[in-house]
Amino acid sequence: QVQLVESGGGLVQAGGSLRLSCAFSGRIFTTYAMGWFRQAPGKEREFVAAISRSGGSTGYADSVKGRFTISRDNAKNMVYLQMNSLKPEDTAVYLCAAGQTVSVYSASRNDYNYWGQGTQVTVSS
């Protein structure tokens, strides 16, 4: 069974930065594409960023493109989300997801088999 544990969330002022981490365990990390999603109160869970198994391909939601960077360290079974120039509208619970059947990477939450519990990110104005 895959386990995903997120960390690194917190309270930050608008314009600030945070780096989220997700620790993967339980299966072979390199057989999973990884993604970050977020969910704000009263809103649907939305795609943020995704990365292929090798780390060579990445994708981003338009709302975060140019501000957020997803990366992975296959030696450490970790995936990261560097978030810069944060805005109040980035406030949400951020969740890490793992998908074994994803061809390269995916923006669809239905393609991910496993989810972490999430870490809260709050951006004050």
N, C-alpha and C. Protein backbone atom coordinates (compact mmCIF):
# COMPACT_ATOMS: atom_id res chain seq x y z
N GLN A 1 0.84 -1.19 0.00
CA GLN A 1 0.00 0.00 0.00
C GLN A 1 0.88 1.25 0.00
N VAL A 2 0.57 2.17 -0.89
CA VAL A 2 1.31 3.42 -0.95
C VAL A 2 0.88 4.34 0.17
N GLN A 3 1.84 4.98 0.79
CA GLN A 3 1.57 6.03 1.77
C GLN A 3 2.23 7.32 1.32
N LEU A 4 1.49 8.40 1.44
CA LEU A 4 1.99 9.72 1.07
C LEU A 4 1.81 10.66 2.25
N VAL A 5 2.88 11.35 2.62
CA VAL A 5 2.83 12.26 3.74
C VAL A 5 3.38 13.61 3.31
N GLU A 6 2.49 14.62 3.34
CA GLU A 6 2.89 15.97 2.95
C GLU A 6 3.39 16.76 4.16
N SER A 7 4.24 17.72 3.88
CA SER A 7 4.72 18.64 4.92
C SER A 7 5.13 19.95 4.26
N GLY A 8 5.33 20.97 5.08
CA GLY A 8 5.85 22.24 4.58
C GLY A 8 4.83 23.35 4.45
N GLY A 9 3.57 23.05 4.74
CA GLY A 9 2.57 24.11 4.66
C GLY A 9 2.71 25.10 5.80
N GLY A 10 1.93 26.17 5.73
CA GLY A 10 1.97 27.17 6.79
C GLY A 10 1.32 28.45 6.37
N LEU A 11 1.56 29.48 7.17
CA LEU A 11 1.00 30.83 6.92
C LEU A 11 2.11 31.70 6.34
N VAL A 12 1.81 32.37 5.25
CA VAL A 12 2.80 33.22 4.60
C VAL A 12 2.10 34.45 4.04
N GLN A 13 2.82 35.54 3.97
CA GLN A 13 2.26 36.76 3.40
C GLN A 13 2.26 36.69 1.88
N ALA A 14 1.36 37.42 1.27
CA ALA A 14 1.32 37.50 -0.19
C ALA A 14 2.69 37.93 -0.71
N GLY A 15 3.11 37.27 -1.78
CA GLY A 15 4.42 37.53 -2.35
C GLY A 15 5.51 36.62 -1.81
N GLY A 16 5.20 35.89 -0.75
CA GLY A 16 6.17 35.01 -0.14
C GLY A 16 6.28 33.66 -0.83
N SER A 17 7.08 32.78 -0.22
CA SER A 17 7.34 31.46 -0.81
C SER A 17 7.19 30.37 0.24
N LEU A 18 6.84 29.19 -0.24
CA LEU A 18 6.82 27.98 0.58
C LEU A 18 7.29 26.82 -0.29
N ARG A 19 7.85 25.82 0.36
CA ARG A 19 8.22 24.59 -0.34
C ARG A 19 7.53 23.43 0.33
N LEU A 20 6.65 22.78 -0.42
CA LEU A 20 5.95 21.60 0.09
C LEU A 20 6.75 20.35 -0.26
N SER A 21 6.69 19.37 0.63
CA SER A 21 7.34 18.09 0.40
C SER A 21 6.32 16.97 0.55
N CYS A 22 6.54 15.89 -0.17
CA CYS A 22 5.69 14.71 -0.07
C CYS A 22 6.58 13.48 -0.02
N ALA A 23 6.48 12.73 1.06
CA ALA A 23 7.26 11.51 1.23
C ALA A 23 6.43 10.31 0.79
N PHE A 24 6.98 9.50 -0.09
CA PHE A 24 6.32 8.33 -0.67
C PHE A 24 6.91 7.07 -0.06
N SER A 25 6.06 6.11 0.29
CA SER A 25 6.55 4.83 0.79
C SER A 25 5.57 3.72 0.44
N GLY A 26 6.04 2.50 0.49
CA GLY A 26 5.18 1.34 0.33
C GLY A 26 5.29 0.62 -1.00
N ARG A 27 5.73 1.30 -2.04
CA ARG A 27 5.88 0.68 -3.36
C ARG A 27 7.11 1.28 -4.03
N ILE A 28 7.35 0.88 -5.29
CA ILE A 28 8.50 1.41 -6.02
C ILE A 28 8.14 2.79 -6.57
N PHE A 29 8.81 3.80 -6.05
CA PHE A 29 8.47 5.19 -6.35
C PHE A 29 8.52 5.49 -7.84
N THR A 30 9.50 4.94 -8.52
CA THR A 30 9.70 5.29 -9.92
C THR A 30 8.66 4.67 -10.86
N THR A 31 7.75 3.88 -10.34
CA THR A 31 6.66 3.36 -11.16
C THR A 31 5.41 4.24 -11.08
N TYR A 32 5.51 5.36 -10.36
CA TYR A 32 4.37 6.25 -10.18
C TYR A 32 4.66 7.64 -10.71
N ALA A 33 3.72 8.15 -11.50
CA ALA A 33 3.69 9.58 -11.78
C ALA A 33 3.10 10.27 -10.55
N MET A 34 3.49 11.50 -10.34
CA MET A 34 3.07 12.21 -9.13
C MET A 34 2.40 13.53 -9.47
N GLY A 35 1.53 13.95 -8.59
CA GLY A 35 0.83 15.21 -8.81
C GLY A 35 0.57 15.95 -7.50
N TRP A 36 0.34 17.23 -7.63
CA TRP A 36 -0.13 18.07 -6.53
C TRP A 36 -1.49 18.63 -6.92
N PHE A 37 -2.42 18.56 -5.99
CA PHE A 37 -3.74 19.15 -6.16
C PHE A 37 -3.99 20.04 -4.95
N ARG A 38 -5.03 20.86 -5.04
CA ARG A 38 -5.40 21.68 -3.89
C ARG A 38 -6.91 21.78 -3.79
N GLN A 39 -7.36 22.02 -2.57
CA GLN A 39 -8.79 22.15 -2.35
C GLN A 39 -9.03 23.24 -1.31
N ALA A 40 -9.75 24.26 -1.73
CA ALA A 40 -10.15 25.36 -0.84
C ALA A 40 -11.54 25.04 -0.29
N PRO A 41 -11.89 25.64 0.84
CA PRO A 41 -13.21 25.38 1.44
C PRO A 41 -14.34 25.69 0.47
N GLY A 42 -15.25 24.72 0.31
CA GLY A 42 -16.40 24.93 -0.55
C GLY A 42 -16.11 24.82 -2.04
N LYS A 43 -14.89 24.43 -2.39
CA LYS A 43 -14.53 24.33 -3.80
C LYS A 43 -14.11 22.91 -4.16
N GLU A 44 -14.14 22.65 -5.46
CA GLU A 44 -13.69 21.35 -5.96
C GLU A 44 -12.17 21.22 -5.83
N ARG A 45 -11.73 19.98 -5.72
CA ARG A 45 -10.30 19.72 -5.74
C ARG A 45 -9.77 20.03 -7.14
N GLU A 46 -8.70 20.81 -7.22
CA GLU A 46 -8.19 21.22 -8.53
C GLU A 46 -6.73 20.86 -8.71
N PHE A 47 -6.39 20.62 -9.95
CA PHE A 47 -5.02 20.28 -10.33
C PHE A 47 -4.10 21.48 -10.15
N VAL A 48 -2.90 21.20 -9.66
CA VAL A 48 -1.88 22.24 -9.52
C VAL A 48 -0.68 21.94 -10.43
N ALA A 49 -0.09 20.75 -10.24
CA ALA A 49 1.11 20.40 -11.02
C ALA A 49 1.28 18.89 -11.02
N ALA A 50 1.99 18.39 -12.03
CA ALA A 50 2.26 16.96 -12.12
C ALA A 50 3.63 16.73 -12.73
N ILE A 51 4.17 15.54 -12.47
CA ILE A 51 5.50 15.21 -12.95
C ILE A 51 5.55 13.74 -13.32
N SER A 52 6.30 13.45 -14.38
CA SER A 52 6.42 12.08 -14.86
C SER A 52 7.33 11.25 -13.96
N ARG A 53 7.40 9.96 -14.23
CA ARG A 53 8.17 9.05 -13.39
C ARG A 53 9.66 9.41 -13.35
N SER A 54 10.18 9.82 -14.48
CA SER A 54 11.60 10.18 -14.53
C SER A 54 11.87 11.60 -14.05
N GLY A 55 10.82 12.40 -14.01
CA GLY A 55 10.99 13.82 -13.69
C GLY A 55 11.25 14.67 -14.92
N GLY A 56 11.30 14.06 -16.08
CA GLY A 56 11.63 14.79 -17.29
C GLY A 56 10.50 15.58 -17.90
N SER A 57 9.27 15.27 -17.50
CA SER A 57 8.10 15.99 -18.02
C SER A 57 7.28 16.52 -16.86
N THR A 58 6.84 17.77 -17.00
CA THR A 58 6.02 18.38 -15.97
C THR A 58 4.86 19.14 -16.61
N GLY A 59 3.82 19.36 -15.82
CA GLY A 59 2.68 20.13 -16.29
C GLY A 59 2.12 20.96 -15.15
N TYR A 60 1.52 22.10 -15.50
CA TYR A 60 1.03 23.03 -14.49
C TYR A 60 -0.34 23.59 -14.86
N ALA A 61 -1.11 23.90 -13.84
CA ALA A 61 -2.33 24.66 -14.07
C ALA A 61 -1.94 26.07 -14.50
N ASP A 62 -2.78 26.67 -15.33
CA ASP A 62 -2.48 28.03 -15.80
C ASP A 62 -2.33 29.01 -14.64
N SER A 63 -3.09 28.78 -13.59
CA SER A 63 -3.10 29.72 -12.46
C SER A 63 -1.78 29.75 -11.68
N VAL A 64 -0.95 28.71 -11.85
CA VAL A 64 0.31 28.67 -11.09
C VAL A 64 1.54 28.66 -11.99
N LYS A 65 1.33 28.59 -13.29
CA LYS A 65 2.44 28.51 -14.23
C LYS A 65 3.35 29.73 -14.07
N GLY A 66 4.65 29.49 -13.99
CA GLY A 66 5.61 30.56 -13.82
C GLY A 66 5.88 30.93 -12.36
N ARG A 67 5.03 30.42 -11.45
CA ARG A 67 5.21 30.70 -10.01
C ARG A 67 5.57 29.44 -9.22
N PHE A 68 5.02 28.31 -9.62
CA PHE A 68 5.23 27.05 -8.90
C PHE A 68 6.13 26.13 -9.74
N THR A 69 6.91 25.32 -9.04
CA THR A 69 7.76 24.34 -9.71
C THR A 69 7.65 23.00 -8.98
N ILE A 70 7.31 21.96 -9.75
CA ILE A 70 7.27 20.61 -9.19
C ILE A 70 8.57 19.89 -9.53
N SER A 71 9.05 19.09 -8.59
CA SER A 71 10.26 18.30 -8.83
C SER A 71 10.17 17.02 -8.01
N ARG A 72 11.04 16.08 -8.33
CA ARG A 72 11.07 14.83 -7.56
C ARG A 72 12.52 14.37 -7.43
N ASP A 73 12.77 13.66 -6.33
CA ASP A 73 14.07 13.05 -6.09
C ASP A 73 13.84 11.55 -5.96
N ASN A 74 14.13 10.83 -7.02
CA ASN A 74 13.83 9.39 -7.04
C ASN A 74 14.75 8.59 -6.12
N ALA A 75 15.86 9.16 -5.72
CA ALA A 75 16.74 8.47 -4.77
C ALA A 75 16.18 8.55 -3.35
N LYS A 76 15.40 9.59 -3.10
CA LYS A 76 14.87 9.81 -1.75
C LYS A 76 13.37 9.53 -1.64
N ASN A 77 12.73 9.14 -2.74
CA ASN A 77 11.28 8.90 -2.77
C ASN A 77 10.50 10.14 -2.32
N MET A 78 10.89 11.29 -2.86
CA MET A 78 10.28 12.55 -2.48
C MET A 78 9.81 13.32 -3.71
N VAL A 79 8.74 14.05 -3.52
CA VAL A 79 8.29 15.00 -4.54
C VAL A 79 8.07 16.34 -3.84
N TYR A 80 8.37 17.42 -4.56
CA TYR A 80 8.35 18.75 -3.98
C TYR A 80 7.50 19.70 -4.82
N LEU A 81 7.01 20.74 -4.16
CA LEU A 81 6.33 21.82 -4.86
C LEU A 81 6.88 23.14 -4.32
N GLN A 82 7.70 23.80 -5.11
CA GLN A 82 8.21 25.11 -4.74
C GLN A 82 7.20 26.16 -5.19
N MET A 83 6.72 26.95 -4.25
CA MET A 83 5.69 27.93 -4.53
C MET A 83 6.23 29.32 -4.26
N ASN A 84 6.33 30.12 -5.29
CA ASN A 84 6.82 31.50 -5.18
C ASN A 84 5.71 32.49 -5.53
N SER A 85 5.92 33.73 -5.17
CA SER A 85 4.95 34.80 -5.48
C SER A 85 3.53 34.39 -5.10
N LEU A 86 3.39 33.89 -3.90
CA LEU A 86 2.10 33.37 -3.46
C LEU A 86 1.05 34.48 -3.37
N LYS A 87 -0.18 34.09 -3.67
CA LYS A 87 -1.31 35.00 -3.66
C LYS A 87 -2.37 34.48 -2.68
N PRO A 88 -3.22 35.37 -2.17
CA PRO A 88 -4.28 34.90 -1.26
C PRO A 88 -5.14 33.79 -1.88
N GLU A 89 -5.33 33.83 -3.18
CA GLU A 89 -6.16 32.81 -3.83
C GLU A 89 -5.46 31.45 -3.92
N ASP A 90 -4.21 31.37 -3.52
CA ASP A 90 -3.53 30.08 -3.43
C ASP A 90 -3.83 29.36 -2.12
N THR A 91 -4.54 30.03 -1.22
CA THR A 91 -4.90 29.42 0.06
C THR A 91 -5.75 28.18 -0.15
N ALA A 92 -5.31 27.05 0.40
CA ALA A 92 -6.00 25.78 0.22
C ALA A 92 -5.26 24.69 1.00
N VAL A 93 -5.88 23.53 1.08
CA VAL A 93 -5.17 22.33 1.50
C VAL A 93 -4.53 21.73 0.24
N TYR A 94 -3.24 21.48 0.32
CA TYR A 94 -2.49 20.92 -0.81
C TYR A 94 -2.27 19.44 -0.58
N LEU A 95 -2.62 18.65 -1.59
CA LEU A 95 -2.53 17.20 -1.48
C LEU A 95 -1.60 16.63 -2.54
N CYS A 96 -0.83 15.67 -2.12
CA CYS A 96 0.07 14.92 -2.99
C CYS A 96 -0.68 13.68 -3.49
N ALA A 97 -0.46 13.30 -4.75
CA ALA A 97 -1.13 12.13 -5.31
C ALA A 97 -0.17 11.30 -6.14
N ALA A 98 -0.41 10.00 -6.17
CA ALA A 98 0.43 9.07 -6.93
C ALA A 98 -0.43 8.25 -7.88
N GLY A 99 0.00 8.13 -9.13
CA GLY A 99 -0.75 7.38 -10.13
C GLY A 99 0.13 6.38 -10.85
N GLN A 100 -0.25 5.12 -10.82
CA GLN A 100 0.57 4.08 -11.44
C GLN A 100 0.24 3.87 -12.91
N THR A 101 -0.98 4.20 -13.33
CA THR A 101 -1.38 3.94 -14.70
C THR A 101 -1.30 5.16 -15.60
N VAL A 102 -0.89 6.27 -15.04
CA VAL A 102 -0.73 7.50 -15.82
C VAL A 102 0.36 7.30 -16.87
N SER A 103 0.11 7.70 -18.11
CA SER A 103 1.07 7.42 -19.17
C SER A 103 2.34 8.25 -19.01
N VAL A 104 2.21 9.55 -18.83
CA VAL A 104 3.39 10.41 -18.59
C VAL A 104 3.13 11.19 -17.30
N TYR A 105 2.17 12.10 -17.39
CA TYR A 105 1.65 12.75 -16.19
C TYR A 105 0.22 13.14 -16.49
N SER A 106 -0.55 13.49 -15.47
CA SER A 106 -1.96 13.76 -15.68
C SER A 106 -2.45 14.88 -14.80
N ALA A 107 -3.38 15.67 -15.36
CA ALA A 107 -4.04 16.73 -14.60
C ALA A 107 -5.38 16.27 -14.04
N SER A 108 -5.75 15.02 -14.33
CA SER A 108 -7.05 14.51 -13.89
C SER A 108 -6.92 13.77 -12.56
N ARG A 109 -7.70 14.18 -11.59
CA ARG A 109 -7.62 13.52 -10.28
C ARG A 109 -8.05 12.06 -10.37
N ASN A 110 -8.83 11.72 -11.38
CA ASN A 110 -9.29 10.34 -11.53
C ASN A 110 -8.17 9.37 -11.91
N ASP A 111 -7.05 9.91 -12.37
CA ASP A 111 -5.93 9.07 -12.78
C ASP A 111 -5.00 8.73 -11.63
N TYR A 112 -5.28 9.24 -10.46
CA TYR A 112 -4.38 9.01 -9.31
C TYR A 112 -5.01 8.02 -8.35
N ASN A 113 -4.20 7.04 -7.94
CA ASN A 113 -4.70 5.95 -7.10
C ASN A 113 -4.58 6.25 -5.61
N TYR A 114 -3.59 7.03 -5.24
CA TYR A 114 -3.30 7.26 -3.83
C TYR A 114 -3.17 8.74 -3.54
N TRP A 115 -3.62 9.12 -2.34
CA TRP A 115 -3.62 10.52 -1.92
C TRP A 115 -3.09 10.65 -0.50
N GLY A 116 -2.40 11.76 -0.26
CA GLY A 116 -2.00 12.08 1.09
C GLY A 116 -3.13 12.77 1.83
N GLN A 117 -2.86 13.11 3.09
CA GLN A 117 -3.87 13.78 3.92
C GLN A 117 -3.93 15.29 3.66
N GLY A 118 -2.85 15.82 3.12
CA GLY A 118 -2.84 17.23 2.79
C GLY A 118 -2.11 18.09 3.81
N THR A 119 -1.68 19.26 3.37
CA THR A 119 -1.05 20.24 4.24
C THR A 119 -1.64 21.60 3.92
N GLN A 120 -1.96 22.35 4.97
CA GLN A 120 -2.65 23.64 4.79
C GLN A 120 -1.67 24.74 4.38
N VAL A 121 -2.03 25.47 3.37
CA VAL A 121 -1.29 26.67 2.96
C VAL A 121 -2.24 27.85 3.06
N THR A 122 -1.85 28.85 3.83
CA THR A 122 -2.66 30.06 3.99
C THR A 122 -1.82 31.26 3.61
N VAL A 123 -2.32 32.05 2.67
CA VAL A 123 -1.61 33.23 2.20
C VAL A 123 -2.42 34.45 2.60
N SER A 124 -1.81 35.29 3.42
CA SER A 124 -2.50 36.50 3.89
C SER A 124 -2.19 37.68 2.98
N SER A 125 -3.16 38.57 2.88
CA SER A 125 -2.99 39.73 1.99
C SER A 125 -2.36 40.91 2.72
